[in-house]
Amino acid sequence: MHIAYLDCFSGVSGNMLLGALLEVGLSEESLRASLEALHLPDWDIEIQQNNISGLRSCLVRVRSKEYTSHRHLQDIRKILEQASLPEQVKARVTAVFIRLAQAEAQVHGTQIEDVHFHEVGAVDAIIDIVGVVSGFHILGIQQICCSPMPMPSGWVACAHGTLPLPAPAVCNLLAGIPVYGTSLSQELVTPTGAALVAELCSSFGPLPFMTLSATGYGAGTTQRKDGRPNILRLIIGQTCQEQETQQVEIIETNLDDWNPELWPHVSEKLMATGALDVSLSPLLMKKGRPGHLLRVITDPAHATALKELILAETSSIGLRFHSMQRMTLPREIITVQTPWGKVQAKRVKIGGKERITPEYEECRKIAMDNNVPLQQVYQAVARNISV
């Protein structure tokens, strides 16, 4: 699978994404062909190679003679309906604009069809969004992951006046996405960039496990006040078997006033929320109190949701967490025939040998349905390994 990672250490905007896509292999000819399919008049793109803090980067500027940028969602839909673009691209671009409309409607207390797109309805914003969605489509990127978003302070001027940063629409667009604060008083995440990230990215956290094939930098229009490079790094590659080390997060809490009868319910919800593994261990706490250690292993993308779940479903009032490396073996699901029917099992390979482990729940169901000992089902699996 072709995968992309957005390293947004200086935030994200539409033109930063466009520049990074051109740096990792998107041709200018392919980009222009996609944009010309919009049939919009009087526009052009200027592509400039920069060197920022010693790093080659690409800056994309959209030039337009348009005098109005006040469009409604229905106007955007009409433009896309008339465009000669792949249906998949049209649908994704429409979804980005719907997100923008929903965010603006929530800010202004109105309906999405009544929202006036100001800055994001201008030709340059439309070209940024269509160009980015088309670029990932042309490159064949099947999955996009993203780093947490920096959230600065300060103020920004827009069509509605001077608003606090992060812009209110950006806060709405990034709901459910990991963010962190920064003391820089300058806009880093634009509404266009936030909408693209929210719609296109399937996970958020550190760089995922991949075989890297290309890296490119897209430049922002302005310079950062603190002198750091205002660029976005795009890393693309291919997914591969997770048989080497990966970074996980360990979440722990001690419980001495909690009813352990609730554990089956809590463990099921933790696994359903994205935990890789969960455990509950007995321990002796202060003043001789018996208690339990709750431990959850997760990838960083699901850590926030799992922390909130633990605090909601247990008596914990505080959590400990830290990052750790782990190693897993490649595995696959196979089907094993038994006298009572087929059973799913995991096949793990190590050192040229393989190990077959049947799925407990399926074996238990067969044992209950056929009134046979569970260990007899396991033994049958061991004798009849046939894929």
Protein backbone atom coordinates (compact mmCIF):
# COMPACT_ATOMS: atom_id res chain seq x y z
CA MET A 1 0.00 0.00 0.00
CA HIS A 2 1.27 3.47 -0.91
CA ILE A 3 1.24 5.60 2.22
CA ALA A 4 1.95 9.29 2.93
CA TYR A 5 2.87 11.05 6.16
CA LEU A 6 2.33 14.78 6.73
CA ASP A 7 4.93 16.17 9.14
CA CYS A 8 3.26 19.46 10.08
CA PHE A 9 5.84 20.92 12.49
CA SER A 10 5.05 24.38 11.07
CA GLY A 11 1.36 23.74 10.52
CA VAL A 12 -0.40 23.19 7.22
CA SER A 13 -1.97 25.15 4.39
CA GLY A 14 -3.21 24.27 0.94
CA ASN A 15 -0.23 25.68 -0.93
CA MET A 16 2.24 23.99 1.45
CA LEU A 17 0.64 20.63 0.60
CA LEU A 18 0.73 21.45 -3.12
CA GLY A 19 4.42 22.35 -2.98
CA ALA A 20 5.28 19.17 -1.06
CA LEU A 21 3.37 17.02 -3.57
CA LEU A 22 5.38 18.54 -6.43
CA GLU A 23 8.58 17.73 -4.54
CA VAL A 24 7.76 14.03 -4.08
CA GLY A 25 6.91 13.29 -7.69
CA LEU A 26 3.72 15.03 -8.81
CA SER A 27 4.49 16.58 -12.19
CA GLU A 28 3.60 20.17 -12.98
CA GLU A 29 1.91 18.97 -16.17
CA SER A 30 -0.38 16.57 -14.27
CA LEU A 31 -1.24 19.25 -11.71
CA ARG A 32 -2.08 21.84 -14.37
CA ALA A 33 -4.20 19.32 -16.27
CA SER A 34 -6.26 18.62 -13.16
CA LEU A 35 -6.73 22.31 -12.42
CA GLU A 36 -7.64 23.18 -16.00
CA ALA A 37 -10.41 20.56 -15.74
CA LEU A 38 -12.22 23.00 -13.41
CA HIS A 39 -12.83 25.35 -16.35
CA LEU A 40 -12.27 28.40 -14.12
CA PRO A 41 -11.25 31.63 -15.92
CA ASP A 42 -8.29 33.96 -15.37
CA TRP A 43 -5.97 32.02 -13.07
CA ASP A 44 -2.44 30.67 -13.13
CA ILE A 45 -0.05 28.99 -10.71
CA GLU A 46 3.48 30.15 -10.04
CA ILE A 47 5.90 27.44 -8.90
CA GLN A 48 9.09 28.59 -7.22
CA GLN A 49 12.00 26.57 -5.87
CA ASN A 50 13.23 27.93 -2.53
CA ASN A 51 16.02 27.14 -0.12
CA ILE A 52 14.76 27.58 3.45
CA SER A 53 17.20 26.90 6.30
CA GLY A 54 19.28 24.89 3.85
CA LEU A 55 16.33 22.74 2.76
CA ARG A 56 15.06 22.71 -0.82
CA SER A 57 11.34 23.46 -0.82
CA CYS A 58 8.64 24.34 -3.33
CA LEU A 59 6.41 27.40 -3.03
CA VAL A 60 3.17 27.45 -5.02
CA ARG A 61 1.25 30.69 -5.53
CA VAL A 62 -2.10 30.96 -7.27
CA ARG A 63 -2.60 34.11 -9.35
CA SER A 64 -6.19 35.14 -10.08
CA LYS A 65 -7.97 38.21 -11.46
CA GLU A 66 -11.18 37.32 -9.63
CA TYR A 67 -12.78 40.24 -7.79
CA THR A 68 -15.25 38.27 -5.65
CA SER A 69 -14.71 35.29 -3.40
CA HIS A 70 -18.18 35.09 -1.84
CA ARG A 71 -19.50 31.69 -2.82
CA HIS A 72 -21.98 29.29 -1.26
CA LEU A 73 -21.60 25.53 -1.03
CA GLN A 74 -24.00 25.13 -3.95
CA ASP A 75 -21.70 27.32 -6.07
CA ILE A 76 -18.76 25.04 -5.29
CA ARG A 77 -20.85 21.97 -6.11
CA LYS A 78 -21.82 23.48 -9.47
CA ILE A 79 -18.16 24.12 -10.34
CA LEU A 80 -17.29 20.51 -9.49
CA GLU A 81 -20.25 19.07 -11.40
CA GLN A 82 -19.05 20.82 -14.55
CA ALA A 83 -15.40 19.85 -14.02
CA SER A 84 -13.72 17.10 -16.06
CA LEU A 85 -12.29 15.36 -13.01
CA PRO A 86 -12.45 11.73 -11.82
CA GLU A 87 -15.57 11.09 -9.75
CA GLN A 88 -13.44 9.98 -6.80
CA VAL A 89 -11.63 13.33 -6.82
CA LYS A 90 -14.90 15.27 -7.11
CA ALA A 91 -16.39 13.39 -4.16
CA ARG A 92 -13.34 14.02 -1.96
CA VAL A 93 -13.16 17.72 -2.86
CA THR A 94 -16.87 18.07 -2.12
CA ALA A 95 -16.34 16.41 1.26
CA VAL A 96 -13.59 18.93 2.08
CA PHE A 97 -15.89 21.87 1.31
CA ILE A 98 -18.73 20.30 3.30
CA ARG A 99 -16.37 20.14 6.29
CA LEU A 100 -15.54 23.81 5.79
CA ALA A 101 -19.22 24.70 5.55
CA GLN A 102 -20.06 22.74 8.69
CA ALA A 103 -17.26 24.43 10.62
CA GLU A 104 -18.31 27.92 9.48
CA ALA A 105 -21.99 27.19 10.17
CA GLN A 106 -21.14 26.12 13.71
CA VAL A 107 -19.09 29.28 14.28
CA HIS A 108 -21.78 31.64 12.96
CA GLY A 109 -24.86 29.74 14.12
CA THR A 110 -26.35 29.13 10.69
CA GLN A 111 -27.02 26.30 8.20
CA ILE A 112 -24.31 24.99 5.89
CA GLU A 113 -26.21 25.97 2.74
CA ASP A 114 -26.38 29.58 4.02
CA VAL A 115 -22.65 29.85 4.71
CA HIS A 116 -20.81 32.46 2.64
CA PHE A 117 -17.38 31.13 1.74
CA HIS A 118 -15.09 34.13 1.89
CA GLU A 119 -11.37 33.34 1.78
CA VAL A 120 -11.96 29.61 1.21
CA GLY A 121 -14.39 30.33 -1.63
CA ALA A 122 -11.84 32.24 -3.66
CA VAL A 123 -10.28 30.74 -6.77
CA ASP A 124 -6.92 30.23 -5.04
CA ALA A 125 -8.50 28.18 -2.25
CA ILE A 126 -10.52 26.08 -4.73
CA ILE A 127 -7.36 25.42 -6.74
CA ASP A 128 -5.41 24.51 -3.59
CA ILE A 129 -8.03 21.97 -2.50
CA VAL A 130 -8.60 20.44 -5.94
CA GLY A 131 -4.84 20.36 -6.58
CA VAL A 132 -4.06 18.57 -3.31
CA VAL A 133 -6.83 15.98 -3.67
CA SER A 134 -5.90 15.38 -7.32
CA GLY A 135 -2.20 15.17 -6.43
CA PHE A 136 -2.66 12.38 -3.91
CA HIS A 137 -4.97 10.62 -6.39
CA ILE A 138 -2.44 10.86 -9.24
CA LEU A 139 0.38 9.57 -7.03
CA GLY A 140 -1.75 6.60 -6.02
CA ILE A 141 -1.57 7.34 -2.29
CA GLN A 142 -3.94 4.94 -0.53
CA GLN A 143 -3.46 6.05 3.07
CA ILE A 144 -2.47 9.40 4.59
CA CYS A 145 -1.27 9.82 8.17
CA CYS A 146 -0.47 13.08 9.91
CA SER A 147 1.44 14.48 12.87
CA PRO A 148 -0.35 16.41 15.64
CA MET A 149 -1.19 20.02 14.77
CA PRO A 150 0.53 23.08 16.35
CA MET A 151 -1.96 25.60 17.76
CA PRO A 152 -0.52 29.13 18.12
CA SER A 153 -1.90 32.19 19.86
CA GLY A 154 -2.42 35.73 18.59
CA TRP A 155 -4.88 37.20 16.10
CA VAL A 156 -5.71 36.91 12.41
CA ALA A 157 -7.51 39.34 10.09
CA CYS A 158 -10.29 37.88 7.93
CA ALA A 159 -13.55 38.88 6.24
CA HIS A 160 -15.35 38.89 9.61
CA GLY A 161 -12.77 41.11 11.29
CA THR A 162 -9.91 40.26 13.63
CA LEU A 163 -10.30 36.83 15.23
CA PRO A 164 -8.24 34.94 17.84
CA LEU A 165 -5.87 32.17 16.82
CA PRO A 166 -6.40 29.37 16.25
CA ALA A 167 -9.20 30.60 14.00
CA PRO A 168 -12.60 29.42 15.31
CA ALA A 169 -13.29 27.42 12.13
CA VAL A 170 -9.91 25.71 12.51
CA CYS A 171 -10.78 24.65 16.07
CA ASN A 172 -14.01 23.09 14.79
CA LEU A 173 -12.25 21.38 11.88
CA LEU A 174 -9.60 19.85 14.14
CA ALA A 175 -12.08 18.40 16.65
CA GLY A 176 -10.92 14.89 17.52
CA ILE A 177 -7.43 15.47 16.10
CA PRO A 178 -4.32 15.64 18.36
CA VAL A 179 -3.03 19.20 18.81
CA TYR A 180 -0.45 20.98 20.96
CA GLY A 181 0.02 24.59 21.97
CA THR A 182 2.83 26.90 20.86
CA SER A 183 3.74 30.38 22.05
CA LEU A 184 4.17 31.67 18.49
CA SER A 185 1.63 34.46 17.78
CA GLN A 186 1.14 33.67 14.10
CA GLU A 187 -1.29 31.61 12.04
CA LEU A 188 0.16 28.16 11.29
CA VAL A 189 -2.92 26.10 10.40
CA THR A 190 -5.25 27.66 7.84
CA PRO A 191 -8.90 26.62 7.46
CA THR A 192 -8.10 25.13 4.04
CA GLY A 193 -5.21 23.12 5.47
CA ALA A 194 -7.25 21.98 8.46
CA ALA A 195 -10.14 20.83 6.25
CA LEU A 196 -7.80 18.88 3.96
CA VAL A 197 -6.10 17.18 6.89
CA ALA A 198 -9.40 16.36 8.61
CA GLU A 199 -10.87 14.81 5.45
CA LEU A 200 -7.87 13.05 3.92
CA CYS A 201 -5.96 11.70 6.93
CA SER A 202 -6.95 8.38 8.49
CA SER A 203 -4.68 8.53 11.55
CA PHE A 204 -2.62 10.98 13.60
CA GLY A 205 0.60 10.41 15.51
CA PRO A 206 4.28 9.69 14.84
CA LEU A 207 5.68 8.43 11.54
CA PRO A 208 4.05 5.06 10.79
CA PHE A 209 5.97 1.90 9.94
CA MET A 210 6.88 2.12 6.25
CA THR A 211 9.58 1.67 3.64
CA LEU A 212 10.42 5.25 2.71
CA SER A 213 10.60 6.18 -0.97
CA ALA A 214 10.53 9.99 -1.19
CA THR A 215 10.55 13.14 0.95
CA GLY A 216 9.56 16.63 -0.12
CA TYR A 217 9.08 20.05 1.47
CA GLY A 218 6.30 22.53 0.68
CA ALA A 219 6.88 26.16 1.63
CA GLY A 220 4.40 28.51 3.24
CA THR A 221 3.80 32.01 1.91
CA THR A 222 4.94 33.84 5.05
CA GLN A 223 7.99 33.54 7.27
CA ARG A 224 7.78 32.42 10.88
CA LYS A 225 8.45 35.17 13.40
CA ASP A 226 10.73 32.91 15.42
CA GLY A 227 13.01 32.24 12.45
CA ARG A 228 12.17 28.54 12.14
CA PRO A 229 11.41 27.22 8.65
CA ASN A 230 7.78 27.61 7.60
CA ILE A 231 7.63 24.38 5.62
CA LEU A 232 5.67 21.14 5.60
CA ARG A 233 7.45 17.81 5.15
CA LEU A 234 5.71 15.11 3.11
CA ILE A 235 7.07 11.57 3.40
CA ILE A 236 5.79 8.82 1.14
CA GLY A 237 6.55 5.11 1.02
CA GLN A 238 5.04 1.66 1.17
CA THR A 239 3.60 -0.21 4.12
CA CYS A 240 5.38 -3.41 5.07
CA GLN A 241 5.01 -6.24 7.54
CA GLU A 242 5.34 -5.01 11.11
CA GLN A 243 8.02 -7.48 12.08
CA GLU A 244 10.46 -4.94 13.45
CA THR A 245 10.28 -2.34 16.17
CA GLN A 246 7.34 0.05 16.45
CA GLN A 247 6.60 2.85 18.86
CA VAL A 248 3.68 2.30 21.20
CA GLU A 249 2.31 4.16 24.21
CA ILE A 250 1.84 2.50 27.58
CA ILE A 251 -0.99 3.90 29.72
CA GLU A 252 -1.21 2.87 33.38
CA THR A 253 -3.20 3.66 36.48
CA ASN A 254 -3.49 2.15 39.99
CA LEU A 255 -7.03 1.41 41.23
CA ASP A 256 -7.81 0.72 44.92
CA ASP A 257 -11.48 1.80 45.08
CA TRP A 258 -12.91 0.22 41.94
CA ASN A 259 -15.20 -2.76 41.45
CA PRO A 260 -13.25 -5.32 39.36
CA GLU A 261 -16.53 -6.94 38.27
CA LEU A 262 -16.66 -4.14 35.69
CA TRP A 263 -13.39 -5.28 34.10
CA PRO A 264 -14.88 -7.43 31.28
CA HIS A 265 -16.98 -4.48 30.15
CA VAL A 266 -14.07 -2.03 30.37
CA SER A 267 -11.60 -4.34 28.60
CA GLU A 268 -14.03 -4.87 25.70
CA LYS A 269 -14.53 -1.12 25.29
CA LEU A 270 -10.77 -0.49 25.43
CA MET A 271 -10.10 -3.03 22.68
CA ALA A 272 -12.96 -1.65 20.58
CA THR A 273 -11.48 1.86 20.94
CA GLY A 274 -8.15 0.81 19.47
CA ALA A 275 -6.06 -0.70 22.28
CA LEU A 276 -3.47 -3.23 21.10
CA ASP A 277 -3.57 -5.07 24.45
CA VAL A 278 -5.02 -4.56 27.93
CA SER A 279 -4.29 -6.15 31.30
CA LEU A 280 -5.40 -5.90 34.95
CA SER A 281 -2.94 -7.09 37.62
CA PRO A 282 -3.45 -7.35 41.40
CA LEU A 283 -1.12 -5.35 43.66
CA LEU A 284 -0.80 -4.22 47.26
CA MET A 285 -1.09 -0.45 47.64
CA LYS A 286 -0.45 2.02 50.47
CA LYS A 287 -1.92 1.28 53.90
CA GLY A 288 -2.18 -2.38 52.93
CA ARG A 289 -5.05 -1.81 50.52
CA PRO A 290 -5.51 -4.42 47.78
CA GLY A 291 -5.75 -2.85 44.36
CA HIS A 292 -5.19 -3.37 40.67
CA LEU A 293 -2.80 -2.09 38.03
CA LEU A 294 -4.58 -1.30 34.77
CA ARG A 295 -2.23 -1.26 31.79
CA VAL A 296 -3.11 -0.45 28.16
CA ILE A 297 -0.81 -0.74 25.13
CA THR A 298 -1.80 1.41 22.16
CA ASP A 299 -0.47 3.13 19.08
CA PRO A 300 -0.14 6.90 19.63
CA ALA A 301 -3.08 7.70 17.33
CA HIS A 302 -5.59 6.07 19.71
CA ALA A 303 -3.96 7.15 22.98
CA THR A 304 -6.13 10.21 23.67
CA ALA A 305 -9.43 8.37 23.19
CA LEU A 306 -8.25 5.50 25.41
CA LYS A 307 -7.16 7.86 28.20
CA GLU A 308 -10.57 9.52 28.17
CA LEU A 309 -12.25 6.11 28.26
CA ILE A 310 -10.22 4.94 31.27
CA LEU A 311 -11.07 8.08 33.23
CA ALA A 312 -14.76 7.72 32.35
CA GLU A 313 -15.14 3.97 32.99
CA THR A 314 -12.98 3.53 36.11
CA SER A 315 -12.46 5.36 39.39
CA SER A 316 -9.04 6.65 38.27
CA ILE A 317 -8.34 10.36 38.72
CA GLY A 318 -4.90 10.28 37.08
CA LEU A 319 -2.90 8.35 34.48
CA ARG A 320 0.73 7.61 33.75
CA PHE A 321 1.91 7.13 30.17
CA HIS A 322 5.17 6.80 28.29
CA SER A 323 6.42 5.73 24.87
CA MET A 324 8.13 2.41 24.32
CA GLN A 325 9.43 0.33 21.43
CA ARG A 326 8.00 -3.12 20.67
CA MET A 327 8.68 -5.84 18.11
CA THR A 328 6.03 -8.05 16.51
CA LEU A 329 6.25 -11.02 14.18
CA PRO A 330 4.46 -11.18 10.83
CA ARG A 331 1.17 -13.03 11.13
CA GLU A 332 -1.74 -14.11 8.97
CA ILE A 333 -5.20 -15.53 9.58
CA ILE A 334 -5.74 -19.06 8.25
CA THR A 335 -8.62 -21.55 8.36
CA VAL A 336 -8.13 -24.95 10.01
CA GLN A 337 -10.55 -27.85 9.49
CA THR A 338 -11.74 -29.82 12.55
CA PRO A 339 -14.31 -32.64 12.93
CA TRP A 340 -16.85 -30.00 14.01
CA GLY A 341 -16.21 -27.42 11.31
CA LYS A 342 -13.71 -24.74 10.35
CA VAL A 343 -11.79 -22.68 12.89
CA GLN A 344 -9.79 -19.51 12.33
CA ALA A 345 -6.22 -19.45 13.61
CA LYS A 346 -3.17 -17.19 13.55
CA ARG A 347 -0.05 -18.41 11.75
CA VAL A 348 3.17 -16.78 12.98
CA LYS A 349 6.52 -17.27 11.28
CA ILE A 350 9.86 -17.11 13.09
CA GLY A 351 13.28 -18.41 12.16
CA GLY A 352 12.02 -20.36 9.15
CA LYS A 353 9.42 -22.15 11.27
CA GLU A 354 5.76 -21.42 11.83
CA ARG A 355 3.46 -21.53 14.83
CA ILE A 356 -0.32 -22.02 14.64
CA THR A 357 -2.57 -20.62 17.38
CA PRO A 358 -6.34 -21.14 17.13
CA GLU A 359 -8.73 -18.33 18.00
CA TYR A 360 -10.04 -18.95 21.51
CA GLU A 361 -13.58 -17.65 20.99
CA GLU A 362 -14.17 -19.84 17.93
CA CYS A 363 -12.83 -22.93 19.70
CA ARG A 364 -14.96 -22.15 22.75
CA LYS A 365 -18.10 -21.82 20.59
CA ILE A 366 -17.43 -25.20 18.93
CA ALA A 367 -16.86 -26.81 22.35
CA MET A 368 -20.13 -25.39 23.69
CA ASP A 369 -22.18 -26.19 20.58
CA ASN A 370 -20.92 -29.77 20.35
CA ASN A 371 -20.60 -30.49 24.09
CA VAL A 372 -16.92 -31.49 23.82
CA PRO A 373 -13.98 -30.44 26.02
CA LEU A 374 -12.29 -27.24 24.88
CA GLN A 375 -8.85 -28.84 24.98
CA GLN A 376 -10.13 -31.52 22.59
CA VAL A 377 -10.92 -28.80 20.05
CA TYR A 378 -7.41 -27.37 20.45
CA GLN A 379 -5.91 -30.83 19.94
CA ALA A 380 -7.98 -31.32 16.80
CA VAL A 381 -6.65 -28.04 15.42
CA ALA A 382 -3.08 -29.18 16.10
CA ARG A 383 -3.71 -32.47 14.23
CA ASN A 384 -5.54 -31.02 11.24
CA ILE A 385 -3.61 -28.00 10.08
CA SER A 386 -4.90 -27.39 6.56
CA VAL A 387 -5.12 -23.96 5.01
